[in-house]
């Protein structure tokens, strides 16, 4: 797989003290060892800007030989001094796997100042990690920063967002930005050529301040996949931390390589479950019900557009899935957020044994 990376500044503007910052990069592999290797190869060049950079590669219970392959790769001389390998027995999802690595880092004698979460299907350009660290250094109350993503053709991909709402659910399902403008509903995606404060950034390349995680806790492990970073940043902002977007930090993203969702025609059940959990945790039963009604109304608009011959792209969704969580409010609204100093190993909440 080849990519057309966007041009990067060969000499990004960085503060002099950035070389003293400690950053740990966490990459969770699930049956994508070749992409994980490419991710590490791109990351290696960042050591010149961040001498205290280290990385943890987590294998999320792939069960396909990925763990042995990555273990051998990381043992090579160019990686073994700064990359460690953390195989897990369970496929506990994105939130849980990242939590296992973060909790391990938290129990070290000198935990990192910042933790950068980087998807295995993401390739950084030069300076991408250092620029995120510099942004956190420049804004002491910033709890999370995110990169600008590009697709494999070098086109910008959505990277910074406003929080989900019933209105945005309606507009998204209707696939009509014009209708959103008419109703005064600001779009979910935020576009800016300059670094700015936003509601949330994509978890494909996101750096977190350890001090903020100590205060608010880690990812909620009731999410298997999707919406977990949105809920975390909602929690960060509620605690008085900010979230920022840094377009100068550029990352090529082979989106959906591990999950297949980018090419799927129907969203998987766990997407709906995560969506319901997000609204239930952040707004309660009314917020979840309003979001479902908004999406159903938007879906009706979309179907009407199809009937009159207007084409609609993107994944379809199952209307029947939307209301299935209404009768499970107690579990949906029960947080499962480990603290910074908790020991790793506890299985995620969404698994049946919990």
C-alpha atoms as a PDB file:
ATOM      1  CA  UNK A   1       0.000   0.000   0.000  1.00  0.00           C
ATOM      2  CA  UNK A   2       1.449   3.347  -1.016  1.00  0.00           C
ATOM      3  CA  UNK A   3       0.513   6.810   0.139  1.00  0.00           C
ATOM      4  CA  UNK A   4       0.951  10.313  -1.163  1.00  0.00           C
ATOM      5  CA  UNK A   5       1.989  12.155   1.957  1.00  0.00           C
ATOM      6  CA  UNK A   6       1.264  15.900   2.209  1.00  0.00           C
ATOM      7  CA  UNK A   7       4.291  18.189   2.216  1.00  0.00           C
ATOM      8  CA  UNK A   8       5.740  18.749   5.672  1.00  0.00           C
ATOM      9  CA  UNK A   9       7.839  21.615   6.930  1.00  0.00           C
ATOM     10  CA  UNK A  10      11.412  20.222   7.015  1.00  0.00           C
ATOM     11  CA  UNK A  11      12.177  22.573   9.926  1.00  0.00           C
ATOM     12  CA  UNK A  12       8.987  23.013  11.968  1.00  0.00           C
ATOM     13  CA  UNK A  13       8.969  25.968  14.337  1.00  0.00           C
ATOM     14  CA  UNK A  14       9.402  24.509  17.815  1.00  0.00           C
ATOM     15  CA  UNK A  15      10.295  25.999  21.214  1.00  0.00           C
ATOM     16  CA  UNK A  16      13.847  25.374  22.423  1.00  0.00           C
ATOM     17  CA  UNK A  17      12.740  23.410  25.485  1.00  0.00           C
ATOM     18  CA  UNK A  18      10.715  20.899  23.450  1.00  0.00           C
ATOM     19  CA  UNK A  19      13.672  18.486  23.498  1.00  0.00           C
ATOM     20  CA  UNK A  20      13.227  18.047  27.242  1.00  0.00           C
ATOM     21  CA  UNK A  21       9.587  16.945  26.966  1.00  0.00           C
ATOM     22  CA  UNK A  22       8.842  13.266  27.588  1.00  0.00           C
ATOM     23  CA  UNK A  23       6.310  11.761  25.169  1.00  0.00           C
ATOM     24  CA  UNK A  24       5.094   8.169  25.007  1.00  0.00           C
ATOM     25  CA  UNK A  25       3.402   7.072  21.778  1.00  0.00           C
ATOM     26  CA  UNK A  26       0.843   4.266  22.094  1.00  0.00           C
ATOM     27  CA  UNK A  27      -0.113   2.284  18.986  1.00  0.00           C
ATOM     28  CA  UNK A  28      -2.695  -0.503  19.180  1.00  0.00           C
ATOM     29  CA  UNK A  29      -2.340  -3.189  16.519  1.00  0.00           C
ATOM     30  CA  UNK A  30      -5.175  -5.498  15.591  1.00  0.00           C
ATOM     31  CA  UNK A  31      -4.285  -7.733  12.654  1.00  0.00           C
ATOM     32  CA  UNK A  32      -2.466  -4.955  10.774  1.00  0.00           C
ATOM     33  CA  UNK A  33       1.216  -5.721  11.427  1.00  0.00           C
ATOM     34  CA  UNK A  34       2.465  -4.329   8.112  1.00  0.00           C
ATOM     35  CA  UNK A  35       0.788  -0.991   8.761  1.00  0.00           C
ATOM     36  CA  UNK A  36       2.111  -0.966  12.324  1.00  0.00           C
ATOM     37  CA  UNK A  37       5.642  -1.426  10.986  1.00  0.00           C
ATOM     38  CA  UNK A  38       5.199   1.501   8.598  1.00  0.00           C
ATOM     39  CA  UNK A  39       3.828   3.579  11.460  1.00  0.00           C
ATOM     40  CA  UNK A  40       6.934   2.865  13.558  1.00  0.00           C
ATOM     41  CA  UNK A  41       9.292   3.547  10.654  1.00  0.00           C
ATOM     42  CA  UNK A  42       7.755   6.995  10.172  1.00  0.00           C
ATOM     43  CA  UNK A  43       7.816   7.627  13.914  1.00  0.00           C
ATOM     44  CA  UNK A  44      11.535   6.827  14.180  1.00  0.00           C
ATOM     45  CA  UNK A  45      12.476  10.094  12.489  1.00  0.00           C
ATOM     46  CA  UNK A  46      10.769  12.069  15.237  1.00  0.00           C
ATOM     47  CA  UNK A  47      13.484  11.069  17.706  1.00  0.00           C
ATOM     48  CA  UNK A  48      15.700  13.846  16.333  1.00  0.00           C
ATOM     49  CA  UNK A  49      13.151  16.430  17.516  1.00  0.00           C
ATOM     50  CA  UNK A  50      12.080  14.619  20.690  1.00  0.00           C
ATOM     51  CA  UNK A  51      15.031  12.722  22.203  1.00  0.00           C
ATOM     52  CA  UNK A  52      12.846  11.563  25.109  1.00  0.00           C
ATOM     53  CA  UNK A  53      10.306   9.972  22.779  1.00  0.00           C
ATOM     54  CA  UNK A  54       9.397   6.343  23.395  1.00  0.00           C
ATOM     55  CA  UNK A  55       6.672   4.084  22.081  1.00  0.00           C
ATOM     56  CA  UNK A  56       4.539   1.170  23.206  1.00  0.00           C
ATOM     57  CA  UNK A  57       3.057  -1.145  20.595  1.00  0.00           C
ATOM     58  CA  UNK A  58       0.023  -2.982  21.954  1.00  0.00           C
ATOM     59  CA  UNK A  59      -1.330  -6.061  20.215  1.00  0.00           C
ATOM     60  CA  UNK A  60      -5.029  -6.274  20.958  1.00  0.00           C
ATOM     61  CA  UNK A  61      -5.376 -10.041  20.990  1.00  0.00           C
ATOM     62  CA  UNK A  62      -5.010 -10.345  17.208  1.00  0.00           C
ATOM     63  CA  UNK A  63      -4.613 -14.135  17.268  1.00  0.00           C
ATOM     64  CA  UNK A  64      -3.232 -14.169  13.711  1.00  0.00           C
ATOM     65  CA  UNK A  65       0.517 -14.184  14.279  1.00  0.00           C
ATOM     66  CA  UNK A  66       0.735 -10.398  14.511  1.00  0.00           C
ATOM     67  CA  UNK A  67       2.183 -10.515  18.021  1.00  0.00           C
ATOM     68  CA  UNK A  68       5.142 -12.721  17.096  1.00  0.00           C
ATOM     69  CA  UNK A  69       5.807 -10.740  13.927  1.00  0.00           C
ATOM     70  CA  UNK A  70       5.814  -7.396  15.734  1.00  0.00           C
ATOM     71  CA  UNK A  71       7.843  -8.721  18.642  1.00  0.00           C
ATOM     72  CA  UNK A  72      10.593  -9.741  16.189  1.00  0.00           C
ATOM     73  CA  UNK A  73      10.390  -6.429  14.345  1.00  0.00           C
ATOM     74  CA  UNK A  74      10.692  -4.340  17.512  1.00  0.00           C
ATOM     75  CA  UNK A  75      13.737  -6.388  18.565  1.00  0.00           C
ATOM     76  CA  UNK A  76      15.697  -4.892  15.649  1.00  0.00           C
ATOM     77  CA  UNK A  77      18.525  -2.518  16.709  1.00  0.00           C
ATOM     78  CA  UNK A  78      16.812   0.616  15.372  1.00  0.00           C
ATOM     79  CA  UNK A  79      13.742   0.048  17.583  1.00  0.00           C
ATOM     80  CA  UNK A  80      14.618  -1.979  20.667  1.00  0.00           C
ATOM     81  CA  UNK A  81      16.080   0.965  22.632  1.00  0.00           C
ATOM     82  CA  UNK A  82      12.906   3.083  22.499  1.00  0.00           C
ATOM     83  CA  UNK A  83       9.983   0.807  21.518  1.00  0.00           C
ATOM     84  CA  UNK A  84       8.418  -1.759  23.850  1.00  0.00           C
ATOM     85  CA  UNK A  85       5.876  -4.437  23.026  1.00  0.00           C
ATOM     86  CA  UNK A  86       2.756  -5.167  25.071  1.00  0.00           C
ATOM     87  CA  UNK A  87       0.710  -8.171  23.840  1.00  0.00           C
ATOM     88  CA  UNK A  88      -2.793  -8.582  25.229  1.00  0.00           C
ATOM     89  CA  UNK A  89      -4.800 -11.794  25.410  1.00  0.00           C
ATOM     90  CA  UNK A  90      -8.145 -10.064  24.829  1.00  0.00           C
ATOM     91  CA  UNK A  91      -9.516  -8.031  21.953  1.00  0.00           C
ATOM     92  CA  UNK A  92     -11.008  -5.533  24.380  1.00  0.00           C
ATOM     93  CA  UNK A  93     -11.453  -2.670  21.948  1.00  0.00           C
ATOM     94  CA  UNK A  94      -9.696   0.655  21.345  1.00  0.00           C
ATOM     95  CA  UNK A  95     -10.464   2.250  24.707  1.00  0.00           C
ATOM     96  CA  UNK A  96      -9.482  -0.760  26.789  1.00  0.00           C
ATOM     97  CA  UNK A  97      -6.269  -1.508  24.878  1.00  0.00           C
ATOM     98  CA  UNK A  98      -5.061   2.087  25.132  1.00  0.00           C
ATOM     99  CA  UNK A  99      -5.971   2.149  28.811  1.00  0.00           C
ATOM    100  CA  UNK A 100      -3.780  -0.907  29.431  1.00  0.00           C
ATOM    101  CA  UNK A 101      -0.777   0.899  27.972  1.00  0.00           C
ATOM    102  CA  UNK A 102      -1.515   4.186  29.747  1.00  0.00           C
ATOM    103  CA  UNK A 103      -1.962   2.473  33.121  1.00  0.00           C
ATOM    104  CA  UNK A 104       1.356   0.714  32.581  1.00  0.00           C
ATOM    105  CA  UNK A 105       3.042   4.055  31.813  1.00  0.00           C
ATOM    106  CA  UNK A 106       1.408   5.659  34.849  1.00  0.00           C
ATOM    107  CA  UNK A 107       3.056   3.129  37.155  1.00  0.00           C
ATOM    108  CA  UNK A 108       6.574   3.848  35.895  1.00  0.00           C
ATOM    109  CA  UNK A 109       8.958   5.794  38.193  1.00  0.00           C
ATOM    110  CA  UNK A 110       8.874   8.750  35.778  1.00  0.00           C
ATOM    111  CA  UNK A 111       5.624   8.712  33.778  1.00  0.00           C
ATOM    112  CA  UNK A 112       5.600  10.680  30.505  1.00  0.00           C
ATOM    113  CA  UNK A 113       4.344  14.247  30.477  1.00  0.00           C
ATOM    114  CA  UNK A 114       2.291  13.565  27.341  1.00  0.00           C
ATOM    115  CA  UNK A 115       0.781  10.416  25.816  1.00  0.00           C
ATOM    116  CA  UNK A 116       0.275  10.358  22.055  1.00  0.00           C
ATOM    117  CA  UNK A 117      -2.270   7.870  20.726  1.00  0.00           C
ATOM    118  CA  UNK A 118      -1.446   6.962  17.131  1.00  0.00           C
ATOM    119  CA  UNK A 119      -3.382   4.474  15.024  1.00  0.00           C
ATOM    120  CA  UNK A 120      -1.346   1.739  13.344  1.00  0.00           C
ATOM    121  CA  UNK A 121      -2.869   2.839  10.023  1.00  0.00           C
ATOM    122  CA  UNK A 122      -1.461   6.363  10.495  1.00  0.00           C
ATOM    123  CA  UNK A 123       1.871   7.619   9.135  1.00  0.00           C
ATOM    124  CA  UNK A 124       3.190  10.847  10.597  1.00  0.00           C
ATOM    125  CA  UNK A 125       5.023  13.454   8.561  1.00  0.00           C
ATOM    126  CA  UNK A 126       8.169  15.056   9.985  1.00  0.00           C
ATOM    127  CA  UNK A 127       7.423  17.123  13.082  1.00  0.00           C
ATOM    128  CA  UNK A 128       3.834  15.933  13.534  1.00  0.00           C
ATOM    129  CA  UNK A 129       4.373  14.595  17.060  1.00  0.00           C
ATOM    130  CA  UNK A 130       6.667  17.434  18.151  1.00  0.00           C
ATOM    131  CA  UNK A 131       4.143  20.046  17.008  1.00  0.00           C
ATOM    132  CA  UNK A 132       1.419  18.470  19.159  1.00  0.00           C
ATOM    133  CA  UNK A 133       3.755  18.471  22.169  1.00  0.00           C
ATOM    134  CA  UNK A 134       4.631  22.117  21.512  1.00  0.00           C
ATOM    135  CA  UNK A 135       0.940  23.040  21.443  1.00  0.00           C
ATOM    136  CA  UNK A 136       0.384  21.392  24.818  1.00  0.00           C
ATOM    137  CA  UNK A 137       3.425  23.218  26.218  1.00  0.00           C
ATOM    138  CA  UNK A 138       2.099  26.547  24.936  1.00  0.00           C
ATOM    139  CA  UNK A 139      -1.385  26.029  26.447  1.00  0.00           C
ATOM    140  CA  UNK A 140      -1.113  24.731  30.040  1.00  0.00           C
ATOM    141  CA  UNK A 141      -4.870  24.148  30.377  1.00  0.00           C
ATOM    142  CA  UNK A 142      -5.075  22.166  27.158  1.00  0.00           C
ATOM    143  CA  UNK A 143      -5.788  18.510  27.868  1.00  0.00           C
ATOM    144  CA  UNK A 144      -5.753  17.117  24.337  1.00  0.00           C
ATOM    145  CA  UNK A 145      -4.514  18.101  20.873  1.00  0.00           C
ATOM    146  CA  UNK A 146      -5.050  16.470  17.488  1.00  0.00           C
ATOM    147  CA  UNK A 147      -3.464  16.369  14.055  1.00  0.00           C
ATOM    148  CA  UNK A 148      -4.770  17.102  10.575  1.00  0.00           C
ATOM    149  CA  UNK A 149      -5.406  13.823   8.781  1.00  0.00           C
ATOM    150  CA  UNK A 150      -4.942  13.210   5.065  1.00  0.00           C
ATOM    151  CA  UNK A 151      -6.120  10.316   2.975  1.00  0.00           C
ATOM    152  CA  UNK A 152      -3.783   8.260   0.818  1.00  0.00           C
ATOM    153  CA  UNK A 153      -4.262  10.629  -2.123  1.00  0.00           C
ATOM    154  CA  UNK A 154      -3.103  13.578  -0.025  1.00  0.00           C
ATOM    155  CA  UNK A 155      -6.567  15.087   0.456  1.00  0.00           C
ATOM    156  CA  UNK A 156      -7.541  16.500   3.840  1.00  0.00           C
ATOM    157  CA  UNK A 157      -9.828  14.336   5.970  1.00  0.00           C
ATOM    158  CA  UNK A 158     -12.162  15.475   8.750  1.00  0.00           C
ATOM    159  CA  UNK A 159     -10.044  15.835  11.902  1.00  0.00           C
ATOM    160  CA  UNK A 160     -11.648  18.353  14.283  1.00  0.00           C
ATOM    161  CA  UNK A 161     -15.275  18.470  15.335  1.00  0.00           C
ATOM    162  CA  UNK A 162     -18.126  19.928  17.357  1.00  0.00           C
ATOM    163  CA  UNK A 163     -19.807  17.612  19.832  1.00  0.00           C
ATOM    164  CA  UNK A 164     -22.673  15.445  18.533  1.00  0.00           C
ATOM    165  CA  UNK A 165     -26.185  16.763  19.104  1.00  0.00           C
ATOM    166  CA  UNK A 166     -29.722  15.859  18.088  1.00  0.00           C
ATOM    167  CA  UNK A 167     -29.599  18.561  15.407  1.00  0.00           C
ATOM    168  CA  UNK A 168     -26.329  17.288  13.971  1.00  0.00           C
ATOM    169  CA  UNK A 169     -27.693  13.744  14.037  1.00  0.00           C
ATOM    170  CA  UNK A 170     -30.617  14.978  11.921  1.00  0.00           C
ATOM    171  CA  UNK A 171     -28.375  16.767   9.411  1.00  0.00           C
ATOM    172  CA  UNK A 172     -25.930  13.849   9.207  1.00  0.00           C
ATOM    173  CA  UNK A 173     -28.669  11.300   8.541  1.00  0.00           C
ATOM    174  CA  UNK A 174     -30.344  13.585   6.009  1.00  0.00           C
ATOM    175  CA  UNK A 175     -26.971  14.166   4.301  1.00  0.00           C
ATOM    176  CA  UNK A 176     -27.903  17.782   3.698  1.00  0.00           C
ATOM    177  CA  UNK A 177     -25.544  20.533   4.800  1.00  0.00           C
ATOM    178  CA  UNK A 178     -27.845  23.057   3.139  1.00  0.00           C
ATOM    179  CA  UNK A 179     -30.690  22.008   5.434  1.00  0.00           C
ATOM    180  CA  UNK A 180     -28.374  22.396   8.424  1.00  0.00           C
ATOM    181  CA  UNK A 181     -27.455  25.929   7.354  1.00  0.00           C
ATOM    182  CA  UNK A 182     -31.130  26.801   6.950  1.00  0.00           C
ATOM    183  CA  UNK A 183     -31.863  25.539  10.483  1.00  0.00           C
ATOM    184  CA  UNK A 184     -28.832  27.304  11.987  1.00  0.00           C
ATOM    185  CA  UNK A 185     -27.132  24.035  12.974  1.00  0.00           C
ATOM    186  CA  UNK A 186     -23.361  24.418  12.866  1.00  0.00           C
ATOM    187  CA  UNK A 187     -21.673  21.558  10.980  1.00  0.00           C
ATOM    188  CA  UNK A 188     -19.987  18.785  12.920  1.00  0.00           C
ATOM    189  CA  UNK A 189     -16.661  19.198  11.115  1.00  0.00           C
ATOM    190  CA  UNK A 190     -14.481  22.204  11.955  1.00  0.00           C
ATOM    191  CA  UNK A 191     -12.118  23.469   9.276  1.00  0.00           C
ATOM    192  CA  UNK A 192      -9.327  25.888  10.111  1.00  0.00           C
ATOM    193  CA  UNK A 193      -5.929  26.694   8.634  1.00  0.00           C
ATOM    194  CA  UNK A 194      -4.661  27.770  12.063  1.00  0.00           C
ATOM    195  CA  UNK A 195      -4.427  25.990  15.386  1.00  0.00           C
ATOM    196  CA  UNK A 196      -7.623  26.562  17.344  1.00  0.00           C
ATOM    197  CA  UNK A 197      -9.796  25.316  20.176  1.00  0.00           C
ATOM    198  CA  UNK A 198     -12.421  22.718  19.221  1.00  0.00           C
ATOM    199  CA  UNK A 199     -14.766  20.288  20.962  1.00  0.00           C
ATOM    200  CA  UNK A 200     -12.988  17.073  20.006  1.00  0.00           C
ATOM    201  CA  UNK A 201     -10.324  15.703  17.690  1.00  0.00           C
ATOM    202  CA  UNK A 202      -9.945  12.337  16.038  1.00  0.00           C
ATOM    203  CA  UNK A 203      -8.297   9.606  18.077  1.00  0.00           C
ATOM    204  CA  UNK A 204      -6.219   8.479  15.066  1.00  0.00           C
ATOM    205  CA  UNK A 205      -3.511  10.968  16.105  1.00  0.00           C
ATOM    206  CA  UNK A 206      -4.218  12.589  19.452  1.00  0.00           C
ATOM    207  CA  UNK A 207      -1.909  13.660  22.266  1.00  0.00           C
ATOM    208  CA  UNK A 208      -3.134  13.791  25.861  1.00  0.00           C
ATOM    209  CA  UNK A 209      -1.709  15.613  28.867  1.00  0.00           C
ATOM    210  CA  UNK A 210      -0.998  13.147  31.662  1.00  0.00           C
ATOM    211  CA  UNK A 211      -2.007  15.704  34.299  1.00  0.00           C
ATOM    212  CA  UNK A 212      -5.455  15.974  32.718  1.00  0.00           C
ATOM    213  CA  UNK A 213      -5.879  12.189  32.735  1.00  0.00           C
ATOM    214  CA  UNK A 214      -4.902  12.106  36.402  1.00  0.00           C
ATOM    215  CA  UNK A 215      -7.817  14.434  37.107  1.00  0.00           C
ATOM    216  CA  UNK A 216     -10.523  13.031  34.808  1.00  0.00           C
ATOM    217  CA  UNK A 217      -9.590   9.358  34.428  1.00  0.00           C
ATOM    218  CA  UNK A 218      -8.824   7.376  31.282  1.00  0.00           C
ATOM    219  CA  UNK A 219     -11.086   6.114  28.497  1.00  0.00           C
ATOM    220  CA  UNK A 220     -14.429   4.645  29.483  1.00  0.00           C
ATOM    221  CA  UNK A 221     -14.018   0.944  28.695  1.00  0.00           C
ATOM    222  CA  UNK A 222     -17.738   0.444  28.187  1.00  0.00           C
ATOM    223  CA  UNK A 223     -17.024   1.438  24.564  1.00  0.00           C
ATOM    224  CA  UNK A 224     -15.709  -1.262  22.252  1.00  0.00           C
ATOM    225  CA  UNK A 225     -14.936   1.002  19.297  1.00  0.00           C
ATOM    226  CA  UNK A 226     -15.980   4.537  18.229  1.00  0.00           C
ATOM    227  CA  UNK A 227     -17.111   7.489  20.338  1.00  0.00           C
ATOM    228  CA  UNK A 228     -14.684   6.703  23.165  1.00  0.00           C
ATOM    229  CA  UNK A 229     -12.449   9.690  22.367  1.00  0.00           C
ATOM    230  CA  UNK A 230     -15.495  11.949  22.038  1.00  0.00           C
ATOM    231  CA  UNK A 231     -16.700  10.997  25.513  1.00  0.00           C
ATOM    232  CA  UNK A 232     -13.207  11.467  26.988  1.00  0.00           C
ATOM    233  CA  UNK A 233     -12.913  14.961  25.520  1.00  0.00           C
ATOM    234  CA  UNK A 234     -16.418  15.809  26.698  1.00  0.00           C
ATOM    235  CA  UNK A 235     -15.228  14.841  30.190  1.00  0.00           C
ATOM    236  CA  UNK A 236     -12.018  16.859  29.820  1.00  0.00           C
ATOM    237  CA  UNK A 237     -13.910  19.979  28.794  1.00  0.00           C
ATOM    238  CA  UNK A 238     -16.436  19.550  31.609  1.00  0.00           C
ATOM    239  CA  UNK A 239     -13.468  19.552  34.027  1.00  0.00           C
ATOM    240  CA  UNK A 240     -12.154  22.844  32.619  1.00  0.00           C
ATOM    241  CA  UNK A 241      -9.535  21.526  30.195  1.00  0.00           C
ATOM    242  CA  UNK A 242      -9.465  22.600  26.560  1.00  0.00           C
ATOM    243  CA  UNK A 243      -9.041  20.615  23.348  1.00  0.00           C
ATOM    244  CA  UNK A 244      -7.070  22.022  20.416  1.00  0.00           C
ATOM    245  CA  UNK A 245      -6.554  21.183  16.757  1.00  0.00           C
ATOM    246  CA  UNK A 246      -3.129  21.646  15.116  1.00  0.00           C
ATOM    247  CA  UNK A 247      -3.363  21.529  11.293  1.00  0.00           C
ATOM    248  CA  UNK A 248       0.430  21.866  10.946  1.00  0.00           C
ATOM    249  CA  UNK A 249       0.710  18.367  12.489  1.00  0.00           C
ATOM    250  CA  UNK A 250       0.079  16.238   9.398  1.00  0.00           C
ATOM    251  CA  UNK A 251      -0.700  12.529   9.362  1.00  0.00           C
ATOM    252  CA  UNK A 252      -1.629  10.191   6.495  1.00  0.00           C
ATOM    253  CA  UNK A 253      -4.460   7.905   7.591  1.00  0.00           C
ATOM    254  CA  UNK A 254      -5.312   4.610   5.880  1.00  0.00           C
ATOM    255  CA  UNK A 255      -8.773   4.878   7.430  1.00  0.00           C
ATOM    256  CA  UNK A 256     -10.653   1.774   8.459  1.00  0.00           C
ATOM    257  CA  UNK A 257      -7.862  -0.663   7.557  1.00  0.00           C
ATOM    258  CA  UNK A 258      -8.369  -2.683  10.742  1.00  0.00           C
ATOM    259  CA  UNK A 259     -12.165  -2.424  11.068  1.00  0.00           C
ATOM    260  CA  UNK A 260     -13.235  -2.287   7.427  1.00  0.00           C
ATOM    261  CA  UNK A 261     -15.823   0.354   8.289  1.00  0.00           C
ATOM    262  CA  UNK A 262     -14.546   2.796   5.655  1.00  0.00           C
ATOM    263  CA  UNK A 263     -15.730   0.489   2.842  1.00  0.00           C
ATOM    264  CA  UNK A 264     -18.732  -1.022   4.618  1.00  0.00           C
ATOM    265  CA  UNK A 265     -22.215  -0.391   3.274  1.00  0.00           C
ATOM    266  CA  UNK A 266     -23.826  -0.874   6.683  1.00  0.00           C
ATOM    267  CA  UNK A 267     -22.537   0.385  10.020  1.00  0.00           C
ATOM    268  CA  UNK A 268     -21.725  -2.438  12.482  1.00  0.00           C
ATOM    269  CA  UNK A 269     -23.820  -2.990  15.628  1.00  0.00           C
ATOM    270  CA  UNK A 270     -21.015  -1.805  17.924  1.00  0.00           C
ATOM    271  CA  UNK A 271     -21.129   1.631  16.247  1.00  0.00           C
ATOM    272  CA  UNK A 272     -24.761   2.027  17.349  1.00  0.00           C
ATOM    273  CA  UNK A 273     -23.976   0.750  20.833  1.00  0.00           C
ATOM    274  CA  UNK A 274     -21.123   3.238  21.221  1.00  0.00           C
ATOM    275  CA  UNK A 275     -23.251   6.081  19.925  1.00  0.00           C
ATOM    276  CA  UNK A 276     -26.040   5.289  22.399  1.00  0.00           C
ATOM    277  CA  UNK A 277     -23.543   5.039  25.242  1.00  0.00           C
ATOM    278  CA  UNK A 278     -22.032   8.419  24.389  1.00  0.00           C
ATOM    279  CA  UNK A 279     -25.378  10.213  24.492  1.00  0.00           C
ATOM    280  CA  UNK A 280     -26.496   8.339  27.621  1.00  0.00           C
ATOM    281  CA  UNK A 281     -23.286   9.162  29.525  1.00  0.00           C
ATOM    282  CA  UNK A 282     -23.094  12.806  28.497  1.00  0.00           C
ATOM    283  CA  UNK A 283     -26.751  13.808  28.461  1.00  0.00           C
ATOM    284  CA  UNK A 284     -28.902  11.076  29.981  1.00  0.00           C
ATOM    285  CA  UNK A 285     -32.073   9.410  28.642  1.00  0.00           C
ATOM    286  CA  UNK A 286     -33.495  12.555  27.042  1.00  0.00           C
ATOM    287  CA  UNK A 287     -30.311  13.247  25.094  1.00  0.00           C
ATOM    288  CA  UNK A 288     -30.198   9.691  23.783  1.00  0.00           C
ATOM    289  CA  UNK A 289     -33.872   9.695  22.829  1.00  0.00           C
ATOM    290  CA  UNK A 290     -33.546  13.118  21.149  1.00  0.00           C
ATOM    291  CA  UNK A 291     -30.527  11.935  19.176  1.00  0.00           C
ATOM    292  CA  UNK A 292     -32.419   8.836  18.014  1.00  0.00           C
ATOM    293  CA  UNK A 293     -35.440  10.892  16.965  1.00  0.00           C
ATOM    294  CA  UNK A 294     -33.193  13.379  15.178  1.00  0.00           C
ATOM    295  CA  UNK A 295     -31.453  10.617  13.241  1.00  0.00           C
ATOM    296  CA  UNK A 296     -34.728   8.907  12.380  1.00  0.00           C
ATOM    297  CA  UNK A 297     -36.149  12.197  11.085  1.00  0.00           C
ATOM    298  CA  UNK A 298     -33.013  12.772   9.047  1.00  0.00           C
ATOM    299  CA  UNK A 299     -33.226   9.245   7.689  1.00  0.00           C
ATOM    300  CA  UNK A 300     -36.798   9.963   6.538  1.00  0.00           C
ATOM    301  CA  UNK A 301     -35.554  13.056   4.677  1.00  0.00           C
ATOM    302  CA  UNK A 302     -32.791  11.004   3.098  1.00  0.00           C
ATOM    303  CA  UNK A 303     -35.241   8.327   1.932  1.00  0.00           C
ATOM    304  CA  UNK A 304     -37.492  11.019   0.475  1.00  0.00           C
ATOM    305  CA  UNK A 305     -34.531  12.404  -1.487  1.00  0.00           C
ATOM    306  CA  UNK A 306     -33.810   8.915  -2.806  1.00  0.00           C
ATOM    307  CA  UNK A 307     -37.416   8.455  -3.917  1.00  0.00           C
ATOM    308  CA  UNK A 308     -37.268  11.608  -6.030  1.00  0.00           C
ATOM    309  CA  UNK A 309     -34.114  10.434  -7.708  1.00  0.00           C
ATOM    310  CA  UNK A 310     -31.362  12.198  -5.766  1.00  0.00           C
ATOM    311  CA  UNK A 311     -28.314  10.017  -5.121  1.00  0.00           C
ATOM    312  CA  UNK A 312     -26.914   9.601  -1.615  1.00  0.00           C
ATOM    313  CA  UNK A 313     -23.494   8.190  -0.723  1.00  0.00           C
ATOM    314  CA  UNK A 314     -21.886   6.840   2.410  1.00  0.00           C
ATOM    315  CA  UNK A 315     -22.744   3.919   4.658  1.00  0.00           C
ATOM    316  CA  UNK A 316     -26.377   3.149   5.285  1.00  0.00           C
ATOM    317  CA  UNK A 317     -27.648   2.566   8.785  1.00  0.00           C
ATOM    318  CA  UNK A 318     -30.280   0.399  10.379  1.00  0.00           C
ATOM    319  CA  UNK A 319     -33.156   2.422  11.756  1.00  0.00           C
ATOM    320  CA  UNK A 320     -34.196  -0.535  13.918  1.00  0.00           C
ATOM    321  CA  UNK A 321     -30.878  -0.333  15.762  1.00  0.00           C
ATOM    322  CA  UNK A 322     -31.483   3.205  17.016  1.00  0.00           C
ATOM    323  CA  UNK A 323     -34.042   2.503  19.718  1.00  0.00           C
ATOM    324  CA  UNK A 324     -32.647  -0.768  21.005  1.00  0.00           C
ATOM    325  CA  UNK A 325     -30.749   0.837  23.848  1.00  0.00           C
ATOM    326  CA  UNK A 326     -33.668   2.787  25.308  1.00  0.00           C
ATOM    327  CA  UNK A 327     -34.577  -0.080  27.667  1.00  0.00           C
ATOM    328  CA  UNK A 328     -30.972  -0.542  28.822  1.00  0.00           C
ATOM    329  CA  UNK A 329     -30.516   2.876  30.391  1.00  0.00           C
ATOM    330  CA  UNK A 330     -29.012   1.658  33.670  1.00  0.00           C
ATOM    331  CA  UNK A 331     -26.023  -0.030  32.021  1.00  0.00           C
ATOM    332  CA  UNK A 332     -25.604   2.613  29.332  1.00  0.00           C
ATOM    333  CA  UNK A 333     -25.411   5.370  31.928  1.00  0.00           C
ATOM    334  CA  UNK A 334     -23.020   3.567  34.270  1.00  0.00           C
ATOM    335  CA  UNK A 335     -19.473   4.918  33.750  1.00  0.00           C
ATOM    336  CA  UNK A 336     -16.514   2.566  33.696  1.00  0.00           C
ATOM    337  CA  UNK A 337     -13.522   4.868  33.815  1.00  0.00           C
ATOM    338  CA  UNK A 338     -10.266   3.606  35.347  1.00  0.00           C
ATOM    339  CA  UNK A 339      -8.084   6.077  37.214  1.00  0.00           C
ATOM    340  CA  UNK A 340      -4.556   7.046  36.191  1.00  0.00           C
ATOM    341  CA  UNK A 341      -2.922   4.905  38.888  1.00  0.00           C
ATOM    342  CA  UNK A 342      -5.110   1.799  38.595  1.00  0.00           C
ATOM    343  CA  UNK A 343      -3.375  -1.484  37.748  1.00  0.00           C
ATOM    344  CA  UNK A 344      -3.954  -2.879  34.247  1.00  0.00           C
ATOM    345  CA  UNK A 345      -5.585  -6.235  33.635  1.00  0.00           C
ATOM    346  CA  UNK A 346      -9.267  -5.810  34.524  1.00  0.00           C
ATOM    347  CA  UNK A 347     -11.409  -6.810  31.480  1.00  0.00           C
ATOM    348  CA  UNK A 348     -13.538  -4.114  29.828  1.00  0.00           C
ATOM    349  CA  UNK A 349     -17.040  -3.363  31.047  1.00  0.00           C
ATOM    350  CA  UNK A 350     -18.721  -4.290  27.771  1.00  0.00           C
ATOM    351  CA  UNK A 351     -17.592  -7.928  28.029  1.00  0.00           C
ATOM    352  CA  UNK A 352     -20.214 -10.369  29.404  1.00  0.00           C
ATOM    353  CA  UNK A 353     -18.177 -11.234  32.524  1.00  0.00           C
ATOM    354  CA  UNK A 354     -18.470  -7.655  33.696  1.00  0.00           C
END
